[in-house]
Protein backbone atom coordinates (compact mmCIF):
# COMPACT_ATOMS: atom_id res chain seq x y z
CA MET A 1 0.14 -25.32 -17.37
CA ALA A 2 -2.82 -25.06 -15.03
CA LYS A 3 -0.59 -24.47 -12.02
CA ILE A 4 1.26 -21.60 -13.67
CA ASP A 5 -2.07 -20.10 -14.75
CA ASP A 6 -3.30 -20.37 -11.16
CA LEU A 7 -0.12 -18.70 -9.94
CA ILE A 8 -0.46 -15.86 -12.46
CA THR A 9 -4.07 -15.32 -11.39
CA ALA A 10 -3.10 -15.32 -7.70
CA VAL A 11 -0.31 -12.79 -8.26
CA ALA A 12 -2.63 -10.52 -10.24
CA ALA A 13 -5.17 -10.65 -7.40
CA GLU A 14 -2.51 -9.71 -4.86
CA ASP A 15 -1.37 -6.81 -7.02
CA THR A 16 -4.94 -5.54 -7.12
CA VAL A 17 -5.27 -5.74 -3.34
CA VAL A 18 -1.95 -4.02 -2.71
CA ASP A 19 -2.70 -1.28 -5.24
CA SER A 20 -6.10 -0.72 -3.63
CA VAL A 21 -4.58 -0.36 -0.17
CA ILE A 22 -2.00 2.12 -1.43
CA VAL A 23 -4.62 4.20 -3.25
CA PHE A 24 -6.83 4.20 -0.15
CA LEU A 25 -4.03 5.33 2.15
CA THR A 26 -2.85 7.98 -0.30
CA ASN A 27 -6.34 9.42 -0.67
CA LEU A 28 -6.97 9.32 3.07
CA HIS A 29 -3.68 11.07 3.70
CA GLN A 30 -4.62 13.85 1.26
CA GLN A 31 -8.02 14.28 2.86
CA LEU A 32 -6.40 14.73 6.25
CA VAL A 33 -3.87 17.19 4.86
CA ASP A 34 -6.71 19.20 3.36
CA ALA A 35 -8.72 19.08 6.60
CA ARG A 36 -5.81 20.17 8.79
CA ALA A 37 -6.28 23.82 7.87
CA ASN A 38 -9.79 23.84 9.36
CA SER A 39 -9.43 21.66 12.41
CA ASN A 40 -7.06 20.60 15.20
CA PRO A 41 -3.63 20.66 13.53
CA ALA A 42 -1.85 18.64 16.24
CA LEU A 43 -4.27 15.70 16.05
CA LEU A 44 -4.33 15.75 12.29
CA ASP A 45 -0.52 15.80 12.15
CA GLN A 46 -0.46 12.73 14.39
CA ALA A 47 -2.97 10.92 12.15
CA ILE A 48 -1.04 11.84 9.00
CA ALA A 49 2.19 10.52 10.50
CA SER A 50 0.48 7.26 11.43
CA ILE A 51 -0.92 6.82 7.94
CA ASN A 52 2.47 7.44 6.38
CA THR A 53 4.01 4.85 8.70
CA GLN A 54 1.42 2.25 7.75
CA LYS A 55 1.81 3.01 4.05
CA GLN A 56 5.58 2.56 4.38
CA LYS A 57 5.09 -0.76 6.19
CA VAL A 58 3.00 -2.02 3.26
CA ALA A 59 5.62 -0.86 0.75
CA ASP A 60 8.45 -2.42 2.80
CA ALA A 61 6.58 -5.72 3.07
CA ILE A 62 6.12 -5.82 -0.68
CA VAL A 63 9.82 -5.22 -1.28
CA ALA A 64 10.85 -7.74 1.38
CA ASN A 65 8.60 -10.44 -0.04
CA THR A 66 9.34 -9.90 -3.71
CA ASP A 67 12.08 -12.00 -5.24
CA SER A 68 14.46 -9.67 -7.06
CA ALA A 69 15.57 -12.35 -9.53
CA PRO A 70 13.13 -13.98 -11.91
CA PRO A 71 12.74 -17.74 -11.44
CA THR A 72 14.71 -19.93 -13.76
CA PRO A 73 12.58 -21.94 -16.17
């Protein structure tokens, strides 16, 4: 049972890291959107697009590396 407990702990830690990255990128994106009205719109648009691309890469990697079927016991 120790190995399964270790696996469960490792998965939970990864979930926490992934969730943290997504929250960070989402908040950063919103800050840039809010700042665009008072600054250089072209540069901010470029930064926002880059952030969205990176956020999508993280989401795609999660989907690609997540087994869709639960393991058989």
